[in-house]
Amino acid sequence: MAHNEDRLSRRRLQSSTATTIISISLVLFMLGLLGLIVLHAQKLSDYVKENIGFSVIIKEEIKESGIIEFQKKLDLEPFVKSTEYITRERAAKELTDELGEDFVDFLGFNPLLASIDIRLQAAYANNDSLAMLEQKLIANPRVKEVFYHKSLVELVNQNIRRISMVLLAFTAVLMLISIALINNTIRLSVYSKRFIIRSMQLVGATQSFIRKPFLIKSLVHGLISALIAIVLLAVVLYFSRKALPEMVDMQDIDMFLSLFGIVTVLGLIITGFSTLLAVRKFLRISQDRLF
């Protein structure tokens, strides 16, 4: 009879431990998914901004060697991500393809000028920076005109700011919910051992001695849960890369390692802190409330 009760108690303990780990793993996985969304949103934002640029129209009398020299100087500027030299012939061909007819034969000459298309670093893709860069480039004696879509730049930045605010608010709410869920899970786990805590107090155990095994066990559970969450996130990433191969260019290993590290640290911090609070409560609870 006693043997059966021991087996039943062990099964209940194992079931409770498994439930705790699974619950924490799912919450950490949910936080990790949100982290992936936020990181990809930032990458997507930078990708969109870095495709914003402008065309620097070169004066007609500037020779090709001078244009190439100017392009090399631009490549060294901190605000430039990449440049592309568009010759007069290439500009005419592209416009002919768009119009569907050869306007050069119709006019008898090529009215287009050579240009350099500049793609900016994401930090400079806003109207204030673009206005300053425009003035700087126009001051160059090789430059005839600088062209870019001011309204498009402002619209892109406004939409990015709005999306960032929504993501920030959603992240804060989900973080609070996640902490509450993990905290409640651990409190229920500690609650089931409240009589063990009382027995240890009655035999003269110190509070630090009582807290130590609970804290160690909780940290182990937090680490295991974080590892499970990381495996689930890796599976999601694997299938997302297969389903959306165009997203591969916006992903890098450092970003994923940072996210996995954050998930692990969060798992340890939240479980450890929640355990300390829960054990502290039952160390101070009165005999009447214990039942």
Protein backbone atom coordinates (compact mmCIF):
# COMPACT_ATOMS: atom_id res chain seq x y z
CA MET A 1 0.00 0.00 0.00
CA ALA A 2 2.76 2.40 0.98
CA HIS A 3 4.69 1.40 -2.14
CA ASN A 4 1.72 2.28 -4.35
CA GLU A 5 1.35 5.65 -2.65
CA ASP A 6 5.03 6.38 -3.25
CA ARG A 7 4.67 5.52 -6.92
CA LEU A 8 1.60 7.74 -7.17
CA SER A 9 3.43 10.59 -5.47
CA ARG A 10 6.39 10.24 -7.86
CA ARG A 11 4.07 10.26 -10.86
CA ARG A 12 2.32 13.38 -9.60
CA LEU A 13 5.70 15.07 -9.04
CA GLN A 14 6.91 14.13 -12.52
CA SER A 15 3.63 15.29 -14.04
CA SER A 16 3.85 18.59 -12.16
CA THR A 17 7.46 19.11 -13.27
CA ALA A 18 6.62 18.31 -16.90
CA THR A 19 3.62 20.66 -16.83
CA THR A 20 5.74 23.46 -15.39
CA ILE A 21 8.49 23.02 -18.00
CA ILE A 22 6.03 22.78 -20.90
CA SER A 23 4.13 25.87 -19.72
CA ILE A 24 7.30 27.94 -19.36
CA SER A 25 8.61 26.63 -22.71
CA LEU A 26 5.48 27.72 -24.54
CA VAL A 27 5.58 31.18 -22.97
CA LEU A 28 9.27 31.59 -23.86
CA PHE A 29 8.54 30.33 -27.37
CA MET A 30 5.83 32.94 -27.72
CA LEU A 31 8.26 35.63 -26.55
CA GLY A 32 10.85 34.32 -29.00
CA LEU A 33 8.37 34.51 -31.88
CA LEU A 34 7.61 38.09 -30.97
CA GLY A 35 11.35 38.76 -30.86
CA LEU A 36 11.69 37.32 -34.36
CA ILE A 37 8.89 39.55 -35.60
CA VAL A 38 10.48 42.63 -34.05
CA LEU A 39 13.95 41.81 -35.42
CA HIS A 40 12.61 41.10 -38.89
CA ALA A 41 10.52 44.27 -38.75
CA GLN A 42 13.71 46.24 -38.05
CA LYS A 43 15.54 44.45 -40.85
CA LEU A 44 12.62 45.05 -43.21
CA SER A 45 12.55 48.70 -42.18
CA ASP A 46 16.27 49.05 -42.93
CA TYR A 47 15.80 47.18 -46.22
CA VAL A 48 13.05 49.56 -47.33
CA LYS A 49 15.02 52.62 -46.26
CA GLU A 50 18.17 51.44 -48.00
CA ASN A 51 16.22 51.13 -51.24
CA ILE A 52 15.34 54.80 -50.96
CA GLY A 53 17.84 56.86 -52.85
CA PHE A 54 18.26 59.61 -55.36
CA SER A 55 19.71 60.23 -58.77
CA VAL A 56 22.60 62.62 -59.18
CA ILE A 57 22.39 64.08 -62.68
CA ILE A 58 25.85 64.85 -64.08
CA LYS A 59 26.57 67.89 -66.26
CA GLU A 60 26.91 67.17 -69.98
CA GLU A 61 30.47 68.43 -70.31
CA ILE A 62 31.86 66.07 -67.65
CA LYS A 63 33.83 63.22 -69.18
CA GLU A 64 33.31 59.59 -68.21
CA SER A 65 36.64 59.43 -66.36
CA GLY A 66 35.53 62.36 -64.20
CA ILE A 67 32.18 60.68 -63.49
CA ILE A 68 33.87 57.42 -62.44
CA GLU A 69 36.26 59.35 -60.18
CA PHE A 70 33.27 61.13 -58.61
CA GLN A 71 31.49 57.78 -58.11
CA LYS A 72 34.52 56.36 -56.27
CA LYS A 73 34.53 59.38 -53.94
CA LEU A 74 30.83 58.88 -53.26
CA ASP A 75 31.42 55.21 -52.39
CA LEU A 76 33.67 56.37 -49.54
CA GLU A 77 31.02 58.62 -48.01
CA PRO A 78 29.45 57.31 -44.75
CA PHE A 79 25.88 57.93 -45.96
CA VAL A 80 26.30 55.84 -49.13
CA LYS A 81 25.43 52.13 -49.19
CA SER A 82 25.97 51.64 -52.91
CA THR A 83 26.18 53.60 -56.16
CA GLU A 84 25.45 52.77 -59.78
CA TYR A 85 26.69 54.70 -62.79
CA ILE A 86 23.98 55.12 -65.45
CA THR A 87 25.41 56.14 -68.82
CA ARG A 88 23.45 58.27 -71.31
CA GLU A 89 23.07 55.27 -73.62
CA ARG A 90 21.76 53.03 -70.82
CA ALA A 91 19.32 55.74 -69.65
CA ALA A 92 18.03 56.08 -73.21
CA LYS A 93 17.62 52.32 -73.58
CA GLU A 94 15.70 52.01 -70.28
CA LEU A 95 13.38 54.88 -71.22
CA THR A 96 12.85 53.37 -74.68
CA ASP A 97 11.85 50.06 -73.07
CA GLU A 98 9.38 51.89 -70.82
CA LEU A 99 7.84 53.96 -73.64
CA GLY A 100 7.79 51.12 -76.15
CA GLU A 101 9.31 53.27 -78.91
CA ASP A 102 12.71 54.70 -79.77
CA PHE A 103 12.47 58.39 -78.87
CA VAL A 104 16.14 58.95 -79.86
CA ASP A 105 15.35 58.18 -83.53
CA PHE A 106 12.31 60.43 -83.30
CA LEU A 107 14.21 63.40 -81.80
CA GLY A 108 17.43 62.78 -83.68
CA PHE A 109 19.56 63.05 -80.52
CA ASN A 110 19.73 61.73 -76.95
CA PRO A 111 18.54 64.44 -74.52
CA LEU A 112 19.29 62.37 -71.39
CA LEU A 113 22.33 62.97 -69.21
CA ALA A 114 24.51 60.50 -67.36
CA SER A 115 23.67 59.99 -63.71
CA ILE A 116 24.74 58.18 -60.55
CA ASP A 117 22.04 56.38 -58.58
CA ILE A 118 22.80 56.42 -54.85
CA ARG A 119 21.36 54.03 -52.29
CA LEU A 120 21.60 55.39 -48.76
CA GLN A 121 22.41 53.84 -45.42
CA ALA A 122 19.16 53.37 -43.46
CA ALA A 123 20.06 56.04 -40.88
CA TYR A 124 20.19 58.74 -43.58
CA ALA A 125 16.92 57.83 -45.31
CA ASN A 126 14.83 60.72 -43.99
CA ASN A 127 13.89 64.11 -45.42
CA ASP A 128 16.15 66.15 -43.11
CA SER A 129 19.25 64.15 -43.99
CA LEU A 130 18.32 64.01 -47.67
CA ALA A 131 17.92 67.80 -47.79
CA MET A 132 21.40 68.28 -46.33
CA LEU A 133 22.90 65.70 -48.69
CA GLU A 134 21.15 67.35 -51.63
CA GLN A 135 22.77 70.70 -50.84
CA LYS A 136 26.15 69.04 -50.39
CA LEU A 137 25.93 67.26 -53.75
CA ILE A 138 24.61 70.24 -55.69
CA ALA A 139 27.63 72.23 -54.49
CA ASN A 140 29.85 69.82 -56.44
CA PRO A 141 30.85 71.34 -59.83
CA ARG A 142 30.14 68.02 -61.63
CA VAL A 143 26.49 67.90 -60.51
CA LYS A 144 23.70 69.48 -62.51
CA GLU A 145 20.70 68.29 -60.45
CA VAL A 146 19.69 65.94 -57.63
CA PHE A 147 16.37 64.15 -57.88
CA TYR A 148 14.43 62.09 -55.31
CA HIS A 149 10.79 61.56 -54.26
CA LYS A 150 10.37 63.69 -51.12
CA SER A 151 6.75 62.66 -50.52
CA LEU A 152 7.63 58.96 -50.82
CA VAL A 153 10.43 59.28 -48.28
CA GLU A 154 8.14 61.01 -45.78
CA LEU A 155 5.37 58.44 -46.33
CA VAL A 156 7.76 55.50 -45.79
CA ASN A 157 9.15 56.99 -42.57
CA GLN A 158 5.67 57.79 -41.22
CA ASN A 159 4.47 54.23 -41.81
CA ILE A 160 7.61 52.76 -40.23
CA ARG A 161 7.13 54.94 -37.13
CA ARG A 162 3.50 53.85 -36.78
CA ILE A 163 4.32 50.17 -37.16
CA SER A 164 7.18 50.51 -34.65
CA MET A 165 4.87 52.07 -32.05
CA VAL A 166 2.29 49.31 -32.49
CA LEU A 167 4.97 46.61 -32.18
CA LEU A 168 6.45 48.29 -29.11
CA ALA A 169 3.07 48.44 -27.35
CA PHE A 170 2.26 44.84 -28.31
CA THR A 171 5.67 43.68 -27.06
CA ALA A 172 5.19 45.41 -23.70
CA VAL A 173 1.74 43.88 -23.20
CA LEU A 174 2.88 40.40 -24.21
CA MET A 175 5.92 40.65 -21.94
CA LEU A 176 3.72 41.47 -18.95
CA ILE A 177 1.34 38.61 -19.78
CA SER A 178 4.26 36.20 -20.18
CA ILE A 179 5.81 37.17 -16.85
CA ALA A 180 2.42 36.77 -15.14
CA LEU A 181 1.90 33.32 -16.69
CA ILE A 182 5.34 32.05 -15.70
CA ASN A 183 4.97 33.55 -12.22
CA ASN A 184 1.59 31.88 -11.67
CA THR A 185 2.92 28.53 -12.93
CA ILE A 186 5.84 28.63 -10.50
CA ARG A 187 3.67 29.81 -7.60
CA LEU A 188 1.37 26.83 -8.13
CA SER A 189 4.39 24.54 -8.16
CA VAL A 190 5.73 26.02 -4.91
CA TYR A 191 2.22 26.03 -3.40
CA SER A 192 2.08 22.23 -3.74
CA LYS A 193 5.20 22.04 -1.54
CA ARG A 194 4.10 24.54 1.13
CA PHE A 195 3.91 21.85 3.83
CA ILE A 196 7.46 20.77 3.04
CA ILE A 197 8.56 24.38 3.56
CA ARG A 198 6.70 24.49 6.90
CA SER A 199 8.27 21.19 8.01
CA MET A 200 11.74 22.50 7.20
CA GLN A 201 11.02 25.64 9.23
CA LEU A 202 9.85 23.56 12.19
CA VAL A 203 13.12 21.61 12.30
CA GLY A 204 15.10 24.85 12.35
CA ALA A 205 16.19 25.27 8.72
CA THR A 206 17.21 28.81 7.76
CA GLN A 207 15.40 30.71 5.03
CA SER A 208 18.42 30.63 2.71
CA PHE A 209 18.73 26.86 3.21
CA ILE A 210 15.04 26.40 2.31
CA ARG A 211 15.22 28.70 -0.71
CA LYS A 212 18.34 27.12 -2.21
CA PRO A 213 16.90 23.81 -3.57
CA PHE A 214 13.78 25.58 -4.88
CA LEU A 215 15.93 28.18 -6.67
CA ILE A 216 18.31 25.62 -8.18
CA LYS A 217 15.43 23.46 -9.39
CA SER A 218 13.67 26.50 -10.82
CA LEU A 219 16.78 27.64 -12.71
CA VAL A 220 17.21 24.14 -14.14
CA HIS A 221 13.57 24.19 -15.26
CA GLY A 222 14.10 27.65 -16.76
CA LEU A 223 17.16 26.47 -18.69
CA ILE A 224 15.41 23.34 -19.99
CA SER A 225 12.38 25.41 -20.98
CA ALA A 226 14.59 27.93 -22.79
CA LEU A 227 16.32 25.12 -24.72
CA ILE A 228 12.96 23.67 -25.74
CA ALA A 229 11.77 27.12 -26.84
CA ILE A 230 14.98 27.61 -28.87
CA VAL A 231 14.49 24.26 -30.63
CA LEU A 232 10.91 25.26 -31.51
CA LEU A 233 12.13 28.64 -32.79
CA ALA A 234 14.80 26.91 -34.90
CA VAL A 235 12.10 24.70 -36.45
CA VAL A 236 10.00 27.78 -37.25
CA LEU A 237 13.02 29.50 -38.82
CA TYR A 238 13.86 26.43 -40.90
CA PHE A 239 10.38 26.19 -42.40
CA SER A 240 10.05 29.97 -42.83
CA ARG A 241 13.30 30.04 -44.85
CA LYS A 242 11.94 27.29 -47.09
CA ALA A 243 8.54 28.96 -47.50
CA LEU A 244 9.92 32.50 -47.94
CA PRO A 245 13.40 32.23 -49.50
CA GLU A 246 13.47 35.99 -50.16
CA MET A 247 13.66 36.55 -46.39
CA VAL A 248 17.06 34.81 -46.23
CA ASP A 249 18.89 37.99 -47.25
CA MET A 250 17.47 39.80 -44.21
CA GLN A 251 18.60 37.13 -41.76
CA ASP A 252 21.98 36.64 -40.14
CA ILE A 253 23.38 34.21 -37.61
CA ASP A 254 24.34 36.93 -35.11
CA MET A 255 20.72 38.08 -34.93
CA PHE A 256 19.51 34.56 -34.17
CA LEU A 257 22.24 33.90 -31.60
CA SER A 258 21.33 37.15 -29.84
CA LEU A 259 17.66 36.17 -29.79
CA PHE A 260 18.42 32.68 -28.45
CA GLY A 261 20.62 34.23 -25.76
CA ILE A 262 17.86 36.66 -24.76
CA VAL A 263 15.31 33.80 -24.53
CA THR A 264 17.69 31.82 -22.30
CA VAL A 265 18.43 34.79 -20.02
CA LEU A 266 14.73 35.63 -19.76
CA GLY A 267 13.92 32.04 -18.86
CA LEU A 268 16.50 32.05 -16.06
CA ILE A 269 15.66 35.51 -14.71
CA ILE A 270 11.87 35.15 -14.73
CA THR A 271 11.84 31.65 -13.23
CA GLY A 272 14.46 32.50 -10.61
CA PHE A 273 12.81 35.73 -9.52
CA SER A 274 9.32 34.20 -9.47
CA THR A 275 10.58 31.31 -7.35
CA LEU A 276 12.19 33.64 -4.83
CA LEU A 277 8.94 35.60 -4.48
CA ALA A 278 6.81 32.45 -4.16
CA VAL A 279 9.06 30.80 -1.56
CA ARG A 280 9.30 34.06 0.36
CA LYS A 281 5.50 34.21 0.56
CA PHE A 282 5.19 30.70 2.02
CA LEU A 283 8.08 31.32 4.42
CA ARG A 284 6.11 34.19 5.94
CA ILE A 285 2.60 32.78 5.69
CA SER A 286 0.75 32.08 8.95
CA GLN A 287 -0.20 28.58 10.11
CA ASP A 288 -3.92 29.25 9.58
CA ARG A 289 -3.51 30.50 6.03
CA LEU A 290 -1.26 27.58 5.18
CA PHE A 291 -4.29 25.30 5.12
